[in-house]
Amino acid sequence: MRNTLIVGGACEGKTKYAKEVLNYSDEHIIFPDRDLFIDAIKARLSIDDLFFKLTCEQEGWCIIINQVGSGIVPIDREERMFREYVGSFSCLVADKADYVYRVVCGLAQEIKGK
């Protein structure tokens, strides 16, 4: 099974695309949320360690992440750290993924495919 990253805005159809088009089941879909990232930052967990914690290096994962980084840079230091961490994590996952999709308004665009 292939490893996939799906990015896009909140409520844009990422999960529906993963399930209905790419045929991922719930046990293979990983949703790193804001709390998970904040806990990882507080624990000083590297992005590599977080990736390993989420995937356990198993094949066939689908990580779905809300896109960050577009727009105004937050004035709050913690918010900037959060954005940097999530952005760096997304880059690492994209590098390790076989396929990367961006979903907007329910429409997917393949960014990377093998």
PDB file of N, CA and C in Angstrom:
ATOM      1  N   MET A   1       0.841  -1.183   0.000  1.00  0.00           N
ATOM      2  CA  MET A   1       0.000   0.000   0.000  1.00  0.00           C
ATOM      3  C   MET A   1       0.884   1.244   0.000  1.00  0.00           C
ATOM      4  N   ARG A   2       0.411   2.278  -0.599  1.00  0.00           N
ATOM      5  CA  ARG A   2       1.211   3.489  -0.740  1.00  0.00           C
ATOM      6  C   ARG A   2       1.059   4.419   0.452  1.00  0.00           C
ATOM      7  N   ASN A   3       2.068   5.238   0.662  1.00  0.00           N
ATOM      8  CA  ASN A   3       2.074   6.249   1.722  1.00  0.00           C
ATOM      9  C   ASN A   3       1.698   7.583   1.101  1.00  0.00           C
ATOM     10  N   THR A   4       0.749   8.265   1.738  1.00  0.00           N
ATOM     11  CA  THR A   4       0.161   9.453   1.132  1.00  0.00           C
ATOM     12  C   THR A   4       0.041  10.586   2.135  1.00  0.00           C
ATOM     13  N   LEU A   5       0.294  11.806   1.662  1.00  0.00           N
ATOM     14  CA  LEU A   5       0.023  13.026   2.414  1.00  0.00           C
ATOM     15  C   LEU A   5      -1.064  13.786   1.670  1.00  0.00           C
ATOM     16  N   ILE A   6      -2.069  14.236   2.428  1.00  0.00           N
ATOM     17  CA  ILE A   6      -3.117  15.087   1.859  1.00  0.00           C
ATOM     18  C   ILE A   6      -3.143  16.374   2.670  1.00  0.00           C
ATOM     19  N   VAL A   7      -2.984  17.506   1.989  1.00  0.00           N
ATOM     20  CA  VAL A   7      -3.014  18.816   2.642  1.00  0.00           C
ATOM     21  C   VAL A   7      -4.135  19.646   2.047  1.00  0.00           C
ATOM     22  N   GLY A   8      -4.556  20.628   2.807  1.00  0.00           N
ATOM     23  CA  GLY A   8      -5.589  21.545   2.343  1.00  0.00           C
ATOM     24  C   GLY A   8      -6.180  22.261   3.540  1.00  0.00           C
ATOM     25  N   GLY A   9      -7.082  23.179   3.269  1.00  0.00           N
ATOM     26  CA  GLY A   9      -7.736  23.931   4.335  1.00  0.00           C
ATOM     27  C   GLY A   9      -8.713  23.063   5.115  1.00  0.00           C
ATOM     28  N   ALA A  10      -9.166  23.590   6.224  1.00  0.00           N
ATOM     29  CA  ALA A  10     -10.137  22.880   7.053  1.00  0.00           C
ATOM     30  C   ALA A  10     -11.440  22.688   6.283  1.00  0.00           C
ATOM     31  N   CYS A  11     -12.020  21.522   6.427  1.00  0.00           N
ATOM     32  CA  CYS A  11     -13.335  21.202   5.844  1.00  0.00           C
ATOM     33  C   CYS A  11     -13.362  21.350   4.322  1.00  0.00           C
ATOM     34  N   GLU A  12     -12.282  20.979   3.658  1.00  0.00           N
ATOM     35  CA  GLU A  12     -12.194  21.106   2.201  1.00  0.00           C
ATOM     36  C   GLU A  12     -12.410  19.778   1.477  1.00  0.00           C
ATOM     37  N   GLY A  13     -12.618  18.671   2.229  1.00  0.00           N
ATOM     38  CA  GLY A  13     -12.874  17.388   1.590  1.00  0.00           C
ATOM     39  C   GLY A  13     -11.698  16.428   1.588  1.00  0.00           C
ATOM     40  N   LYS A  14     -10.710  16.675   2.432  1.00  0.00           N
ATOM     41  CA  LYS A  14      -9.508  15.833   2.465  1.00  0.00           C
ATOM     42  C   LYS A  14      -9.832  14.399   2.882  1.00  0.00           C
ATOM     43  N   THR A  15     -10.604  14.245   3.951  1.00  0.00           N
ATOM     44  CA  THR A  15     -10.929  12.907   4.454  1.00  0.00           C
ATOM     45  C   THR A  15     -11.810  12.157   3.464  1.00  0.00           C
ATOM     46  N   LYS A  16     -12.786  12.836   2.920  1.00  0.00           N
ATOM     47  CA  LYS A  16     -13.669  12.203   1.928  1.00  0.00           C
ATOM     48  C   LYS A  16     -12.856  11.707   0.737  1.00  0.00           C
ATOM     49  N   TYR A  17     -11.899  12.508   0.287  1.00  0.00           N
ATOM     50  CA  TYR A  17     -11.048  12.109  -0.834  1.00  0.00           C
ATOM     51  C   TYR A  17     -10.222  10.876  -0.471  1.00  0.00           C
ATOM     52  N   ALA A  18      -9.650  10.876   0.743  1.00  0.00           N
ATOM     53  CA  ALA A  18      -8.830   9.733   1.181  1.00  0.00           C
ATOM     54  C   ALA A  18      -9.650   8.448   1.214  1.00  0.00           C
ATOM     55  N   LYS A  19     -10.881   8.551   1.694  1.00  0.00           N
ATOM     56  CA  LYS A  19     -11.720   7.354   1.843  1.00  0.00           C
ATOM     57  C   LYS A  19     -12.374   6.924   0.531  1.00  0.00           C
ATOM     58  N   GLU A  20     -12.972   7.865  -0.161  1.00  0.00           N
ATOM     59  CA  GLU A  20     -13.787   7.504  -1.323  1.00  0.00           C
ATOM     60  C   GLU A  20     -12.999   7.358  -2.617  1.00  0.00           C
ATOM     61  N   VAL A  21     -11.957   8.117  -2.778  1.00  0.00           N
ATOM     62  CA  VAL A  21     -11.197   8.059  -4.028  1.00  0.00           C
ATOM     63  C   VAL A  21      -9.949   7.185  -3.875  1.00  0.00           C
ATOM     64  N   LEU A  22      -9.223   7.393  -2.781  1.00  0.00           N
ATOM     65  CA  LEU A  22      -7.980   6.641  -2.585  1.00  0.00           C
ATOM     66  C   LEU A  22      -8.199   5.327  -1.834  1.00  0.00           C
ATOM     67  N   ASN A  23      -9.400   5.107  -1.332  1.00  0.00           N
ATOM     68  CA  ASN A  23      -9.796   3.858  -0.653  1.00  0.00           C
ATOM     69  C   ASN A  23      -9.009   3.543   0.615  1.00  0.00           C
ATOM     70  N   TYR A  24      -8.652   4.571   1.383  1.00  0.00           N
ATOM     71  CA  TYR A  24      -8.031   4.351   2.684  1.00  0.00           C
ATOM     72  C   TYR A  24      -9.118   4.080   3.714  1.00  0.00           C
ATOM     73  N   SER A  25      -8.861   3.135   4.602  1.00  0.00           N
ATOM     74  CA  SER A  25      -9.789   2.861   5.696  1.00  0.00           C
ATOM     75  C   SER A  25      -9.378   3.691   6.908  1.00  0.00           C
ATOM     76  N   ASP A  26     -10.287   3.782   7.887  1.00  0.00           N
ATOM     77  CA  ASP A  26     -10.040   4.607   9.067  1.00  0.00           C
ATOM     78  C   ASP A  26      -8.746   4.245   9.797  1.00  0.00           C
ATOM     79  N   GLU A  27      -8.389   2.958   9.821  1.00  0.00           N
ATOM     80  CA  GLU A  27      -7.193   2.566  10.579  1.00  0.00           C
ATOM     81  C   GLU A  27      -5.890   2.991   9.917  1.00  0.00           C
ATOM     82  N   HIS A  28      -5.948   3.395   8.666  1.00  0.00           N
ATOM     83  CA  HIS A  28      -4.736   3.841   7.973  1.00  0.00           C
ATOM     84  C   HIS A  28      -4.627   5.362   7.865  1.00  0.00           C
ATOM     85  N   ILE A  29      -5.695   6.058   8.234  1.00  0.00           N
ATOM     86  CA  ILE A  29      -5.687   7.521   8.143  1.00  0.00           C
ATOM     87  C   ILE A  29      -5.232   8.112   9.471  1.00  0.00           C
ATOM     88  N   ILE A  30      -4.277   9.027   9.400  1.00  0.00           N
ATOM     89  CA  ILE A  30      -3.715   9.682  10.581  1.00  0.00           C
ATOM     90  C   ILE A  30      -4.032  11.169  10.497  1.00  0.00           C
ATOM     91  N   PHE A  31      -4.642  11.698  11.571  1.00  0.00           N
ATOM     92  CA  PHE A  31      -5.014  13.109  11.639  1.00  0.00           C
ATOM     93  C   PHE A  31      -4.229  13.799  12.750  1.00  0.00           C
ATOM     94  N   PRO A  32      -3.017  14.261  12.478  1.00  0.00           N
ATOM     95  CA  PRO A  32      -2.318  15.003  13.534  1.00  0.00           C
ATOM     96  C   PRO A  32      -3.022  16.345  13.741  1.00  0.00           C
ATOM     97  N   ASP A  33      -3.537  16.559  14.942  1.00  0.00           N
ATOM     98  CA  ASP A  33      -4.293  17.785  15.197  1.00  0.00           C
ATOM     99  C   ASP A  33      -3.453  18.800  15.955  1.00  0.00           C
ATOM    100  N   ARG A  34      -4.044  19.944  16.196  1.00  0.00           N
ATOM    101  CA  ARG A  34      -3.351  21.051  16.852  1.00  0.00           C
ATOM    102  C   ARG A  34      -2.786  20.632  18.217  1.00  0.00           C
ATOM    103  N   ASP A  35      -3.596  19.921  19.005  1.00  0.00           N
ATOM    104  CA  ASP A  35      -3.145  19.500  20.335  1.00  0.00           C
ATOM    105  C   ASP A  35      -1.927  18.585  20.256  1.00  0.00           C
ATOM    106  N   LEU A  36      -1.921  17.680  19.294  1.00  0.00           N
ATOM    107  CA  LEU A  36      -0.776  16.778  19.123  1.00  0.00           C
ATOM    108  C   LEU A  36       0.489  17.573  18.821  1.00  0.00           C
ATOM    109  N   PHE A  37       0.380  18.549  17.915  1.00  0.00           N
ATOM    110  CA  PHE A  37       1.545  19.367  17.571  1.00  0.00           C
ATOM    111  C   PHE A  37       2.007  20.207  18.766  1.00  0.00           C
ATOM    112  N   ILE A  38       1.066  20.780  19.503  1.00  0.00           N
ATOM    113  CA  ILE A  38       1.435  21.597  20.673  1.00  0.00           C
ATOM    114  C   ILE A  38       2.121  20.736  21.726  1.00  0.00           C
ATOM    115  N   ASP A  39       1.586  19.532  21.975  1.00  0.00           N
ATOM    116  CA  ASP A  39       2.225  18.624  22.932  1.00  0.00           C
ATOM    117  C   ASP A  39       3.629  18.241  22.473  1.00  0.00           C
ATOM    118  N   ALA A  40       3.804  17.997  21.178  1.00  0.00           N
ATOM    119  CA  ALA A  40       5.117  17.643  20.636  1.00  0.00           C
ATOM    120  C   ALA A  40       6.102  18.797  20.794  1.00  0.00           C
ATOM    121  N   ILE A  41       5.639  20.007  20.565  1.00  0.00           N
ATOM    122  CA  ILE A  41       6.504  21.181  20.728  1.00  0.00           C
ATOM    123  C   ILE A  41       6.911  21.330  22.189  1.00  0.00           C
ATOM    124  N   LYS A  42       5.944  21.204  23.098  1.00  0.00           N
ATOM    125  CA  LYS A  42       6.235  21.334  24.528  1.00  0.00           C
ATOM    126  C   LYS A  42       7.203  20.251  24.998  1.00  0.00           C
ATOM    127  N   ALA A  43       7.077  19.060  24.431  1.00  0.00           N
ATOM    128  CA  ALA A  43       7.970  17.949  24.799  1.00  0.00           C
ATOM    129  C   ALA A  43       9.297  18.008  24.055  1.00  0.00           C
ATOM    130  N   ARG A  44       9.446  19.010  23.196  1.00  0.00           N
ATOM    131  CA  ARG A  44      10.657  19.169  22.379  1.00  0.00           C
ATOM    132  C   ARG A  44      10.929  17.932  21.522  1.00  0.00           C
ATOM    133  N   LEU A  45       9.840  17.374  20.997  1.00  0.00           N
ATOM    134  CA  LEU A  45       9.925  16.196  20.141  1.00  0.00           C
ATOM    135  C   LEU A  45      10.315  16.643  18.737  1.00  0.00           C
ATOM    136  N   SER A  46      11.327  16.027  18.187  1.00  0.00           N
ATOM    137  CA  SER A  46      11.742  16.390  16.831  1.00  0.00           C
ATOM    138  C   SER A  46      10.660  15.964  15.843  1.00  0.00           C
ATOM    139  N   ILE A  47      10.669  16.569  14.681  1.00  0.00           N
ATOM    140  CA  ILE A  47       9.673  16.191  13.673  1.00  0.00           C
ATOM    141  C   ILE A  47       9.890  14.754  13.218  1.00  0.00           C
ATOM    142  N   ASP A  48      11.140  14.293  13.191  1.00  0.00           N
ATOM    143  CA  ASP A  48      11.423  12.894  12.853  1.00  0.00           C
ATOM    144  C   ASP A  48      10.808  11.953  13.881  1.00  0.00           C
ATOM    145  N   ASP A  49      10.960  12.295  15.159  1.00  0.00           N
ATOM    146  CA  ASP A  49      10.405  11.450  16.223  1.00  0.00           C
ATOM    147  C   ASP A  49       8.880  11.454  16.187  1.00  0.00           C
ATOM    148  N   LEU A  50       8.283  12.599  15.897  1.00  0.00           N
ATOM    149  CA  LEU A  50       6.823  12.655  15.791  1.00  0.00           C
ATOM    150  C   LEU A  50       6.347  11.802  14.622  1.00  0.00           C
ATOM    151  N   PHE A  51       7.043  11.882  13.504  1.00  0.00           N
ATOM    152  CA  PHE A  51       6.677  11.068  12.346  1.00  0.00           C
ATOM    153  C   PHE A  51       6.735   9.581  12.693  1.00  0.00           C
ATOM    154  N   PHE A  52       7.814   9.165  13.362  1.00  0.00           N
ATOM    155  CA  PHE A  52       7.947   7.763  13.753  1.00  0.00           C
ATOM    156  C   PHE A  52       6.838   7.367  14.722  1.00  0.00           C
ATOM    157  N   LYS A  53       6.527   8.237  15.669  1.00  0.00           N
ATOM    158  CA  LYS A  53       5.474   7.961  16.646  1.00  0.00           C
ATOM    159  C   LYS A  53       4.126   7.746  15.955  1.00  0.00           C
ATOM    160  N   LEU A  54       3.849   8.526  14.918  1.00  0.00           N
ATOM    161  CA  LEU A  54       2.561   8.423  14.227  1.00  0.00           C
ATOM    162  C   LEU A  54       2.487   7.233  13.279  1.00  0.00           C
ATOM    163  N   THR A  55       3.578   6.921  12.606  1.00  0.00           N
ATOM    164  CA  THR A  55       3.538   5.876  11.571  1.00  0.00           C
ATOM    165  C   THR A  55       4.162   4.557  12.010  1.00  0.00           C
ATOM    166  N   CYS A  56       5.028   4.591  13.012  1.00  0.00           N
ATOM    167  CA  CYS A  56       5.788   3.401  13.439  1.00  0.00           C
ATOM    168  C   CYS A  56       6.458   2.737  12.236  1.00  0.00           C
ATOM    169  N   GLU A  57       6.769   3.554  11.233  1.00  0.00           N
ATOM    170  CA  GLU A  57       7.423   3.104   9.996  1.00  0.00           C
ATOM    171  C   GLU A  57       6.655   1.993   9.289  1.00  0.00           C
ATOM    172  N   GLN A  58       5.343   1.962   9.481  1.00  0.00           N
ATOM    173  CA  GLN A  58       4.507   1.002   8.761  1.00  0.00           C
ATOM    174  C   GLN A  58       4.166   1.558   7.389  1.00  0.00           C
ATOM    175  N   GLU A  59       3.938   0.687   6.458  1.00  0.00           N
ATOM    176  CA  GLU A  59       3.549   1.103   5.113  1.00  0.00           C
ATOM    177  C   GLU A  59       2.037   1.263   5.041  1.00  0.00           C
ATOM    178  N   GLY A  60       1.614   2.086   4.132  1.00  0.00           N
ATOM    179  CA  GLY A  60       0.189   2.245   3.870  1.00  0.00           C
ATOM    180  C   GLY A  60      -0.492   3.315   4.698  1.00  0.00           C
ATOM    181  N   TRP A  61       0.257   4.305   5.153  1.00  0.00           N
ATOM    182  CA  TRP A  61      -0.354   5.376   5.928  1.00  0.00           C
ATOM    183  C   TRP A  61      -0.841   6.498   5.025  1.00  0.00           C
ATOM    184  N   CYS A  62      -1.829   7.228   5.527  1.00  0.00           N
ATOM    185  CA  CYS A  62      -2.338   8.428   4.872  1.00  0.00           C
ATOM    186  C   CYS A  62      -2.435   9.501   5.944  1.00  0.00           C
ATOM    187  N   ILE A  63      -1.569  10.492   5.869  1.00  0.00           N
ATOM    188  CA  ILE A  63      -1.569  11.581   6.839  1.00  0.00           C
ATOM    189  C   ILE A  63      -2.302  12.767   6.222  1.00  0.00           C
ATOM    190  N   ILE A  64      -3.275  13.273   6.975  1.00  0.00           N
ATOM    191  CA  ILE A  64      -4.083  14.411   6.521  1.00  0.00           C
ATOM    192  C   ILE A  64      -3.782  15.591   7.432  1.00  0.00           C
ATOM    193  N   ILE A  65      -3.305  16.688   6.838  1.00  0.00           N
ATOM    194  CA  ILE A  65      -2.891  17.859   7.608  1.00  0.00           C
ATOM    195  C   ILE A  65      -3.563  19.111   7.040  1.00  0.00           C
ATOM    196  N   ASN A  66      -4.078  19.944   7.959  1.00  0.00           N
ATOM    197  CA  ASN A  66      -4.568  21.252   7.533  1.00  0.00           C
ATOM    198  C   ASN A  66      -3.370  22.107   7.142  1.00  0.00           C
ATOM    199  N   GLN A  67      -3.488  22.769   6.019  1.00  0.00           N
ATOM    200  CA  GLN A  67      -2.391  23.578   5.495  1.00  0.00           C
ATOM    201  C   GLN A  67      -2.154  24.792   6.378  1.00  0.00           C
ATOM    202  N   VAL A  68      -0.902  25.059   6.673  1.00  0.00           N
ATOM    203  CA  VAL A  68      -0.514  26.255   7.426  1.00  0.00           C
ATOM    204  C   VAL A  68       0.511  27.017   6.600  1.00  0.00           C
ATOM    205  N   GLY A  69       0.744  28.254   6.965  1.00  0.00           N
ATOM    206  CA  GLY A  69       1.808  29.002   6.316  1.00  0.00           C
ATOM    207  C   GLY A  69       1.340  30.034   5.319  1.00  0.00           C
ATOM    208  N   SER A  70       0.124  29.913   4.855  1.00  0.00           N
ATOM    209  CA  SER A  70      -0.396  30.933   3.949  1.00  0.00           C
ATOM    210  C   SER A  70      -0.994  32.060   4.788  1.00  0.00           C
ATOM    211  N   GLY A  71      -0.745  33.244   4.393  1.00  0.00           N
ATOM    212  CA  GLY A  71      -1.346  34.363   5.117  1.00  0.00           C
ATOM    213  C   GLY A  71      -0.342  35.130   5.941  1.00  0.00           C
ATOM    214  N   ILE A  72      -0.878  35.850   6.899  1.00  0.00           N
ATOM    215  CA  ILE A  72      -0.090  36.748   7.740  1.00  0.00           C
ATOM    216  C   ILE A  72       0.696  35.950   8.777  1.00  0.00           C
ATOM    217  N   VAL A  73       1.936  36.342   9.008  1.00  0.00           N
ATOM    218  CA  VAL A  73       2.756  35.712  10.037  1.00  0.00           C
ATOM    219  C   VAL A  73       2.202  36.133  11.399  1.00  0.00           C
ATOM    220  N   PRO A  74       1.919  35.145  12.274  1.00  0.00           N
ATOM    221  CA  PRO A  74       1.360  35.481  13.586  1.00  0.00           C
ATOM    222  C   PRO A  74       2.298  36.360  14.403  1.00  0.00           C
ATOM    223  N   ILE A  75       1.721  37.269  15.160  1.00  0.00           N
ATOM    224  CA  ILE A  75       2.513  38.139  16.015  1.00  0.00           C
ATOM    225  C   ILE A  75       2.965  37.403  17.271  1.00  0.00           C
ATOM    226  N   ASP A  76       2.164  36.432  17.714  1.00  0.00           N
ATOM    227  CA  ASP A  76       2.455  35.671  18.918  1.00  0.00           C
ATOM    228  C   ASP A  76       3.577  34.660  18.662  1.00  0.00           C
ATOM    229  N   ARG A  77       4.581  34.658  19.530  1.00  0.00           N
ATOM    230  CA  ARG A  77       5.745  33.783  19.369  1.00  0.00           C
ATOM    231  C   ARG A  77       5.358  32.307  19.318  1.00  0.00           C
ATOM    232  N   GLU A  78       4.455  31.884  20.205  1.00  0.00           N
ATOM    233  CA  GLU A  78       4.042  30.479  20.245  1.00  0.00           C
ATOM    234  C   GLU A  78       3.323  30.080  18.958  1.00  0.00           C
ATOM    235  N   GLU A  79       2.525  30.979  18.426  1.00  0.00           N
ATOM    236  CA  GLU A  79       1.827  30.697  17.166  1.00  0.00           C
ATOM    237  C   GLU A  79       2.805  30.570  16.008  1.00  0.00           C
ATOM    238  N   ARG A  80       3.851  31.399  16.004  1.00  0.00           N
ATOM    239  CA  ARG A  80       4.888  31.286  14.974  1.00  0.00           C
ATOM    240  C   ARG A  80       5.635  29.963  15.103  1.00  0.00           C
ATOM    241  N   MET A  81       5.937  29.543  16.334  1.00  0.00           N
ATOM    242  CA  MET A  81       6.609  28.268  16.558  1.00  0.00           C
ATOM    243  C   MET A  81       5.724  27.107  16.076  1.00  0.00           C
ATOM    244  N   PHE A  82       4.439  27.205  16.389  1.00  0.00           N
ATOM    245  CA  PHE A  82       3.495  26.170  15.956  1.00  0.00           C
ATOM    246  C   PHE A  82       3.485  26.072  14.435  1.00  0.00           C
ATOM    247  N   ARG A  83       3.361  27.208  13.778  1.00  0.00           N
ATOM    248  CA  ARG A  83       3.322  27.238  12.313  1.00  0.00           C
ATOM    249  C   ARG A  83       4.603  26.684  11.701  1.00  0.00           C
ATOM    250  N   GLU A  84       5.734  27.032  12.274  1.00  0.00           N
ATOM    251  CA  GLU A  84       7.021  26.539  11.776  1.00  0.00           C
ATOM    252  C   GLU A  84       7.127  25.020  11.956  1.00  0.00           C
ATOM    253  N   TYR A  85       6.700  24.525  13.106  1.00  0.00           N
ATOM    254  CA  TYR A  85       6.775  23.092  13.397  1.00  0.00           C
ATOM    255  C   TYR A  85       5.878  22.305  12.449  1.00  0.00           C
ATOM    256  N   VAL A  86       4.632  22.754  12.294  1.00  0.00           N
ATOM    257  CA  VAL A  86       3.700  22.048  11.407  1.00  0.00           C
ATOM    258  C   VAL A  86       4.188  22.110   9.959  1.00  0.00           C
ATOM    259  N   GLY A  87       4.695  23.252   9.543  1.00  0.00           N
ATOM    260  CA  GLY A  87       5.228  23.374   8.187  1.00  0.00           C
ATOM    261  C   GLY A  87       6.420  22.454   7.952  1.00  0.00           C
ATOM    262  N   SER A  88       7.320  22.393   8.921  1.00  0.00           N
ATOM    263  CA  SER A  88       8.482  21.503   8.802  1.00  0.00           C
ATOM    264  C   SER A  88       8.057  20.041   8.810  1.00  0.00           C
ATOM    265  N   PHE A  89       7.079  19.707   9.659  1.00  0.00           N
ATOM    266  CA  PHE A  89       6.565  18.340   9.699  1.00  0.00           C
ATOM    267  C   PHE A  89       5.933  17.976   8.355  1.00  0.00           C
ATOM    268  N   SER A  90       5.162  18.879   7.793  1.00  0.00           N
ATOM    269  CA  SER A  90       4.529  18.630   6.491  1.00  0.00           C
ATOM    270  C   SER A  90       5.571  18.393   5.403  1.00  0.00           C
ATOM    271  N   CYS A  91       6.659  19.153   5.428  1.00  0.00           N
ATOM    272  CA  CYS A  91       7.741  18.955   4.455  1.00  0.00           C
ATOM    273  C   CYS A  91       8.381  17.582   4.608  1.00  0.00           C
ATOM    274  N   LEU A  92       8.596  17.155   5.851  1.00  0.00           N
ATOM    275  CA  LEU A  92       9.185  15.842   6.096  1.00  0.00           C
ATOM    276  C   LEU A  92       8.250  14.736   5.591  1.00  0.00           C
ATOM    277  N   VAL A  93       6.960  14.857   5.907  1.00  0.00           N
ATOM    278  CA  VAL A  93       5.994  13.850   5.462  1.00  0.00           C
ATOM    279  C   VAL A  93       5.912  13.823   3.941  1.00  0.00           C
ATOM    280  N   ALA A  94       5.906  14.986   3.309  1.00  0.00           N
ATOM    281  CA  ALA A  94       5.860  15.041   1.843  1.00  0.00           C
ATOM    282  C   ALA A  94       7.071  14.348   1.231  1.00  0.00           C
ATOM    283  N   ASP A  95       8.225  14.508   1.858  1.00  0.00           N
ATOM    284  CA  ASP A  95       9.440  13.854   1.368  1.00  0.00           C
ATOM    285  C   ASP A  95       9.330  12.333   1.474  1.00  0.00           C
ATOM    286  N   LYS A  96       8.739  11.834   2.541  1.00  0.00           N
ATOM    287  CA  LYS A  96       8.633  10.390   2.769  1.00  0.00           C
ATOM    288  C   LYS A  96       7.448   9.755   2.043  1.00  0.00           C
ATOM    289  N   ALA A  97       6.484  10.568   1.636  1.00  0.00           N
ATOM    290  CA  ALA A  97       5.276  10.049   0.994  1.00  0.00           C
ATOM    291  C   ALA A  97       5.536   9.642  -0.449  1.00  0.00           C
ATOM    292  N   ASP A  98       4.790   8.636  -0.893  1.00  0.00           N
ATOM    293  CA  ASP A  98       4.811   8.249  -2.301  1.00  0.00           C
ATOM    294  C   ASP A  98       3.968   9.203  -3.125  1.00  0.00           C
ATOM    295  N   TYR A  99       2.876   9.677  -2.506  1.00  0.00           N
ATOM    296  CA  TYR A  99       1.945  10.575  -3.177  1.00  0.00           C
ATOM    297  C   TYR A  99       1.600  11.734  -2.251  1.00  0.00           C
ATOM    298  N   VAL A 100       1.467  12.928  -2.829  1.00  0.00           N
ATOM    299  CA  VAL A 100       1.029  14.106  -2.090  1.00  0.00           C
ATOM    300  C   VAL A 100      -0.079  14.762  -2.904  1.00  0.00           C
ATOM    301  N   TYR A 101      -1.188  15.055  -2.218  1.00  0.00           N
ATOM    302  CA  TYR A 101      -2.330  15.715  -2.845  1.00  0.00           C
ATOM    303  C   TYR A 101      -2.674  16.968  -2.054  1.00  0.00           C
ATOM    304  N   ARG A 102      -3.123  17.987  -2.781  1.00  0.00           N
ATOM    305  CA  ARG A 102      -3.711  19.175  -2.169  1.00  0.00           C
ATOM    306  C   ARG A 102      -5.177  19.151  -2.540  1.00  0.00           C
ATOM    307  N   VAL A 103      -6.055  19.276  -1.540  1.00  0.00           N
ATOM    308  CA  VAL A 103      -7.486  19.243  -1.778  1.00  0.00           C
ATOM    309  C   VAL A 103      -8.080  20.603  -1.443  1.00  0.00           C
ATOM    310  N   VAL A 104      -8.778  21.190  -2.402  1.00  0.00           N
ATOM    311  CA  VAL A 104      -9.451  22.472  -2.240  1.00  0.00           C
ATOM    312  C   VAL A 104     -10.850  22.326  -2.808  1.00  0.00           C
ATOM    313  N   CYS A 105     -11.850  22.694  -2.028  1.00  0.00           N
ATOM    314  CA  CYS A 105     -13.260  22.607  -2.455  1.00  0.00           C
ATOM    315  C   CYS A 105     -13.614  21.199  -2.958  1.00  0.00           C
ATOM    316  N   GLY A 106     -13.022  20.187  -2.342  1.00  0.00           N
ATOM    317  CA  GLY A 106     -13.313  18.809  -2.719  1.00  0.00           C
ATOM    318  C   GLY A 106     -12.575  18.329  -3.953  1.00  0.00           C
ATOM    319  N   LEU A 107     -11.787  19.187  -4.559  1.00  0.00           N
ATOM    320  CA  LEU A 107     -11.046  18.825  -5.760  1.00  0.00           C
ATOM    321  C   LEU A 107      -9.582  18.602  -5.413  1.00  0.00           C
ATOM    322  N   ALA A 108      -9.040  17.491  -5.866  1.00  0.00           N
ATOM    323  CA  ALA A 108      -7.669  17.143  -5.530  1.00  0.00           C
ATOM    324  C   ALA A 108      -6.719  17.448  -6.682  1.00  0.00           C
ATOM    325  N   GLN A 109      -5.541  17.893  -6.306  1.00  0.00           N
ATOM    326  CA  GLN A 109      -4.469  18.123  -7.263  1.00  0.00           C
ATOM    327  C   GLN A 109      -3.286  17.285  -6.812  1.00  0.00           C
ATOM    328  N   GLU A 110      -2.810  16.402  -7.676  1.00  0.00           N
ATOM    329  CA  GLU A 110      -1.642  15.601  -7.336  1.00  0.00           C
ATOM    330  C   GLU A 110      -0.397  16.473  -7.452  1.00  0.00           C
ATOM    331  N   ILE A 111       0.349  16.541  -6.353  1.00  0.00           N
ATOM    332  CA  ILE A 111       1.575  17.337  -6.319  1.00  0.00           C
ATOM    333  C   ILE A 111       2.786  16.447  -6.503  1.00  0.00           C
ATOM    334  N   LYS A 112       2.680  15.217  -5.994  1.00  0.00           N
ATOM    335  CA  LYS A 112       3.786  14.268  -6.086  1.00  0.00           C
ATOM    336  C   LYS A 112       3.202  12.881  -6.305  1.00  0.00           C
ATOM    337  N   GLY A 113       3.791  12.130  -7.223  1.00  0.00           N
ATOM    338  CA  GLY A 113       3.355  10.759  -7.457  1.00  0.00           C
ATOM    339  C   GLY A 113       4.507   9.923  -7.944  1.00  0.00           C
ATOM    340  N   LYS A 114       4.509   8.662  -7.559  1.00  0.00           N
ATOM    341  CA  LYS A 114       5.574   7.760  -7.993  1.00  0.00           C
ATOM    342  C   LYS A 114       5.014   6.729  -8.941  1.00  0.00           C
TER     343      LYS A 114
END
